[in-house]
Amino acid sequence: MHIIPQSWSHLHILIGVFPSIGLVIGLCIYAAALRTGDEFARRICLVLFCLLGLLSLPIYVSGAGSMANLSGTPRFNKEAMNAHYLWA
């Protein structure tokens, strides 16, 4: 098993999971911190939200790279890739 992704598509899939999972976990912890009045946990969650926002840049770059690599492949529908790109 390779730890380092071999293509843009693999990298895009690997790092595309973190913002979704991190947002759900961060929102739960933030709601708990609001309820308990814990200022430190709220600040940590806000930093987590900023880091997840910064993670969107490599996700965008890897998505553009994988779209360029897969555009010549007849197995992938160009309309589906464009829809994914627009929704993202």
N, C-alpha and C. Protein backbone atom coordinates (compact mmCIF):
# COMPACT_ATOMS: atom_id res chain seq x y z
N MET A 1 0.84 -1.18 0.00
CA MET A 1 0.00 0.00 0.00
C MET A 1 0.88 1.24 0.00
N HIS A 2 0.59 2.15 -0.90
CA HIS A 2 1.36 3.38 -0.99
C HIS A 2 0.75 4.44 -0.08
N ILE A 3 1.59 5.11 0.67
CA ILE A 3 1.12 6.18 1.54
C ILE A 3 1.00 7.48 0.75
N ILE A 4 1.92 7.71 -0.18
CA ILE A 4 1.89 8.92 -0.99
C ILE A 4 1.05 8.64 -2.23
N PRO A 5 0.03 9.47 -2.50
CA PRO A 5 -0.82 9.23 -3.67
C PRO A 5 -0.03 9.32 -4.97
N GLN A 6 -0.41 8.49 -5.92
CA GLN A 6 0.30 8.42 -7.20
C GLN A 6 -0.31 9.32 -8.27
N SER A 7 -1.49 9.89 -8.02
CA SER A 7 -2.12 10.74 -9.03
C SER A 7 -2.91 11.85 -8.33
N TRP A 8 -3.30 12.85 -9.11
CA TRP A 8 -4.09 13.95 -8.59
C TRP A 8 -5.43 13.45 -8.05
N SER A 9 -6.01 12.48 -8.72
CA SER A 9 -7.31 11.97 -8.30
C SER A 9 -7.25 11.34 -6.92
N HIS A 10 -6.22 10.56 -6.67
CA HIS A 10 -6.08 9.94 -5.36
C HIS A 10 -5.86 10.98 -4.27
N LEU A 11 -5.03 11.97 -4.56
CA LEU A 11 -4.79 13.03 -3.59
C LEU A 11 -6.09 13.80 -3.31
N HIS A 12 -6.86 14.07 -4.33
CA HIS A 12 -8.12 14.80 -4.18
C HIS A 12 -9.10 14.02 -3.31
N ILE A 13 -9.17 12.73 -3.49
CA ILE A 13 -10.07 11.90 -2.68
C ILE A 13 -9.60 11.86 -1.23
N LEU A 14 -8.29 11.72 -1.02
CA LEU A 14 -7.77 11.62 0.34
C LEU A 14 -7.98 12.90 1.14
N ILE A 15 -7.65 14.05 0.57
CA ILE A 15 -7.75 15.28 1.36
C ILE A 15 -9.15 15.89 1.30
N GLY A 16 -10.01 15.40 0.42
CA GLY A 16 -11.37 15.92 0.34
C GLY A 16 -12.26 15.46 1.47
N VAL A 17 -11.83 14.45 2.22
CA VAL A 17 -12.64 13.91 3.32
C VAL A 17 -12.51 14.76 4.58
N PHE A 18 -11.35 15.35 4.81
CA PHE A 18 -11.08 16.03 6.07
C PHE A 18 -11.99 17.21 6.36
N PRO A 19 -12.30 18.08 5.41
CA PRO A 19 -13.18 19.21 5.77
C PRO A 19 -14.58 18.79 6.18
N SER A 20 -15.13 17.77 5.55
CA SER A 20 -16.48 17.32 5.91
C SER A 20 -16.52 16.76 7.32
N ILE A 21 -15.62 15.85 7.61
CA ILE A 21 -15.57 15.23 8.93
C ILE A 21 -15.17 16.26 9.98
N GLY A 22 -14.18 17.09 9.67
CA GLY A 22 -13.71 18.10 10.63
C GLY A 22 -14.77 19.14 10.95
N LEU A 23 -15.57 19.49 9.95
CA LEU A 23 -16.63 20.47 10.20
C LEU A 23 -17.68 19.91 11.15
N VAL A 24 -18.07 18.67 10.96
CA VAL A 24 -19.08 18.06 11.84
C VAL A 24 -18.54 17.96 13.26
N ILE A 25 -17.32 17.49 13.40
CA ILE A 25 -16.73 17.37 14.74
C ILE A 25 -16.54 18.73 15.37
N GLY A 26 -16.05 19.70 14.58
CA GLY A 26 -15.85 21.05 15.11
C GLY A 26 -17.14 21.72 15.53
N LEU A 27 -18.20 21.55 14.76
CA LEU A 27 -19.49 22.13 15.13
C LEU A 27 -20.05 21.52 16.41
N CYS A 28 -19.87 20.21 16.57
CA CYS A 28 -20.34 19.55 17.80
C CYS A 28 -19.57 20.06 19.02
N ILE A 29 -18.26 20.16 18.88
CA ILE A 29 -17.46 20.66 20.01
C ILE A 29 -17.77 22.13 20.28
N TYR A 30 -17.98 22.90 19.22
CA TYR A 30 -18.29 24.32 19.40
C TYR A 30 -19.64 24.49 20.09
N ALA A 31 -20.62 23.69 19.73
CA ALA A 31 -21.93 23.76 20.39
C ALA A 31 -21.81 23.38 21.87
N ALA A 32 -21.01 22.36 22.15
CA ALA A 32 -20.80 21.97 23.55
C ALA A 32 -20.07 23.07 24.32
N ALA A 33 -19.12 23.73 23.67
CA ALA A 33 -18.38 24.81 24.34
C ALA A 33 -19.28 26.02 24.58
N LEU A 34 -20.17 26.30 23.66
CA LEU A 34 -21.13 27.39 23.88
C LEU A 34 -22.06 27.08 25.05
N ARG A 35 -22.47 25.84 25.11
CA ARG A 35 -23.40 25.44 26.17
C ARG A 35 -22.75 25.49 27.55
N THR A 36 -21.46 25.10 27.61
CA THR A 36 -20.78 25.08 28.90
C THR A 36 -20.08 26.40 29.22
N GLY A 37 -19.92 27.25 28.21
CA GLY A 37 -19.25 28.53 28.44
C GLY A 37 -17.74 28.43 28.44
N ASP A 38 -17.20 27.40 27.81
CA ASP A 38 -15.76 27.20 27.76
C ASP A 38 -15.15 28.06 26.65
N GLU A 39 -14.46 29.12 27.03
CA GLU A 39 -13.88 30.06 26.07
C GLU A 39 -12.72 29.43 25.30
N PHE A 40 -11.91 28.62 25.96
CA PHE A 40 -10.76 27.99 25.32
C PHE A 40 -11.19 27.05 24.20
N ALA A 41 -12.20 26.23 24.45
CA ALA A 41 -12.68 25.28 23.43
C ALA A 41 -13.29 26.03 22.26
N ARG A 42 -13.97 27.14 22.51
CA ARG A 42 -14.53 27.92 21.41
C ARG A 42 -13.43 28.49 20.52
N ARG A 43 -12.37 28.97 21.12
CA ARG A 43 -11.26 29.51 20.33
C ARG A 43 -10.56 28.43 19.53
N ILE A 44 -10.40 27.26 20.12
CA ILE A 44 -9.78 26.14 19.41
C ILE A 44 -10.64 25.75 18.21
N CYS A 45 -11.95 25.74 18.38
CA CYS A 45 -12.85 25.40 17.27
C CYS A 45 -12.78 26.45 16.17
N LEU A 46 -12.66 27.71 16.53
CA LEU A 46 -12.54 28.75 15.52
C LEU A 46 -11.23 28.61 14.73
N VAL A 47 -10.16 28.23 15.41
CA VAL A 47 -8.89 27.97 14.73
C VAL A 47 -9.05 26.75 13.81
N LEU A 48 -9.77 25.74 14.28
CA LEU A 48 -10.02 24.56 13.45
C LEU A 48 -10.80 24.94 12.19
N PHE A 49 -11.79 25.80 12.31
CA PHE A 49 -12.56 26.25 11.15
C PHE A 49 -11.67 27.00 10.16
N CYS A 50 -10.76 27.80 10.66
CA CYS A 50 -9.83 28.51 9.77
C CYS A 50 -8.90 27.53 9.05
N LEU A 51 -8.40 26.54 9.76
CA LEU A 51 -7.52 25.54 9.14
C LEU A 51 -8.27 24.72 8.09
N LEU A 52 -9.51 24.39 8.36
CA LEU A 52 -10.31 23.66 7.38
C LEU A 52 -10.57 24.52 6.15
N GLY A 53 -10.74 25.83 6.35
CA GLY A 53 -10.89 26.73 5.22
C GLY A 53 -9.63 26.81 4.39
N LEU A 54 -8.46 26.83 5.04
CA LEU A 54 -7.20 26.84 4.31
C LEU A 54 -6.95 25.53 3.57
N LEU A 55 -7.52 24.45 4.08
CA LEU A 55 -7.37 23.16 3.43
C LEU A 55 -8.14 23.11 2.11
N SER A 56 -9.04 24.03 1.91
CA SER A 56 -9.78 24.04 0.65
C SER A 56 -8.89 24.40 -0.54
N LEU A 57 -7.80 25.10 -0.31
CA LEU A 57 -6.89 25.46 -1.40
C LEU A 57 -6.21 24.23 -2.03
N PRO A 58 -5.59 23.34 -1.25
CA PRO A 58 -5.02 22.14 -1.88
C PRO A 58 -6.09 21.23 -2.48
N ILE A 59 -7.29 21.23 -1.91
CA ILE A 59 -8.37 20.43 -2.49
C ILE A 59 -8.74 20.97 -3.86
N TYR A 60 -8.80 22.29 -3.99
CA TYR A 60 -9.11 22.91 -5.28
C TYR A 60 -8.03 22.60 -6.31
N VAL A 61 -6.77 22.73 -5.92
CA VAL A 61 -5.66 22.48 -6.83
C VAL A 61 -5.63 21.02 -7.27
N SER A 62 -5.82 20.10 -6.34
CA SER A 62 -5.82 18.68 -6.70
C SER A 62 -7.03 18.33 -7.56
N GLY A 63 -8.15 19.00 -7.33
CA GLY A 63 -9.33 18.77 -8.17
C GLY A 63 -9.12 19.26 -9.58
N ALA A 64 -8.49 20.40 -9.72
CA ALA A 64 -8.20 20.93 -11.06
C ALA A 64 -7.20 20.03 -11.78
N GLY A 65 -6.21 19.53 -11.06
CA GLY A 65 -5.23 18.62 -11.66
C GLY A 65 -5.84 17.30 -12.08
N SER A 66 -6.70 16.75 -11.24
CA SER A 66 -7.34 15.48 -11.60
C SER A 66 -8.33 15.67 -12.73
N MET A 67 -9.00 16.82 -12.79
CA MET A 67 -9.93 17.08 -13.89
C MET A 67 -9.17 17.18 -15.22
N ALA A 68 -8.00 17.80 -15.18
CA ALA A 68 -7.17 17.89 -16.39
C ALA A 68 -6.67 16.51 -16.82
N ASN A 69 -6.29 15.67 -15.85
CA ASN A 69 -5.80 14.33 -16.18
C ASN A 69 -6.90 13.43 -16.71
N LEU A 70 -8.10 13.55 -16.17
CA LEU A 70 -9.18 12.65 -16.53
C LEU A 70 -10.03 13.14 -17.69
N SER A 71 -9.80 14.35 -18.17
CA SER A 71 -10.65 14.88 -19.23
C SER A 71 -10.49 14.12 -20.54
N GLY A 72 -9.34 13.52 -20.78
CA GLY A 72 -9.12 12.77 -22.00
C GLY A 72 -9.58 11.32 -21.91
N THR A 73 -9.98 10.87 -20.74
CA THR A 73 -10.38 9.48 -20.54
C THR A 73 -11.85 9.31 -20.92
N PRO A 74 -12.18 8.41 -21.82
CA PRO A 74 -13.59 8.25 -22.22
C PRO A 74 -14.45 7.63 -21.12
N ARG A 75 -13.83 7.04 -20.11
CA ARG A 75 -14.58 6.40 -19.03
C ARG A 75 -15.31 7.41 -18.15
N PHE A 76 -14.81 8.65 -18.09
CA PHE A 76 -15.40 9.67 -17.24
C PHE A 76 -16.21 10.64 -18.08
N ASN A 77 -17.41 10.91 -17.63
CA ASN A 77 -18.31 11.81 -18.32
C ASN A 77 -17.91 13.25 -18.03
N LYS A 78 -17.69 14.04 -19.07
CA LYS A 78 -17.26 15.42 -18.89
C LYS A 78 -18.33 16.27 -18.21
N GLU A 79 -19.60 16.01 -18.49
CA GLU A 79 -20.68 16.76 -17.84
C GLU A 79 -20.72 16.47 -16.34
N ALA A 80 -20.47 15.23 -15.96
CA ALA A 80 -20.45 14.88 -14.53
C ALA A 80 -19.28 15.56 -13.83
N MET A 81 -18.13 15.62 -14.48
CA MET A 81 -16.98 16.30 -13.87
C MET A 81 -17.24 17.80 -13.74
N ASN A 82 -17.88 18.39 -14.74
CA ASN A 82 -18.21 19.82 -14.66
C ASN A 82 -19.24 20.09 -13.56
N ALA A 83 -20.20 19.20 -13.41
CA ALA A 83 -21.20 19.37 -12.34
C ALA A 83 -20.53 19.27 -10.97
N HIS A 84 -19.62 18.33 -10.81
CA HIS A 84 -18.89 18.20 -9.55
C HIS A 84 -18.06 19.45 -9.27
N TYR A 85 -17.43 19.96 -10.30
CA TYR A 85 -16.61 21.16 -10.17
C TYR A 85 -17.47 22.36 -9.77
N LEU A 86 -18.64 22.51 -10.39
CA LEU A 86 -19.50 23.65 -10.07
C LEU A 86 -20.11 23.54 -8.67
N TRP A 87 -20.49 22.34 -8.26
CA TRP A 87 -21.06 22.15 -6.93
C TRP A 87 -20.01 22.36 -5.84
N ALA A 88 -18.79 21.98 -6.12
CA ALA A 88 -17.73 22.12 -5.13
C ALA A 88 -17.39 23.57 -4.95
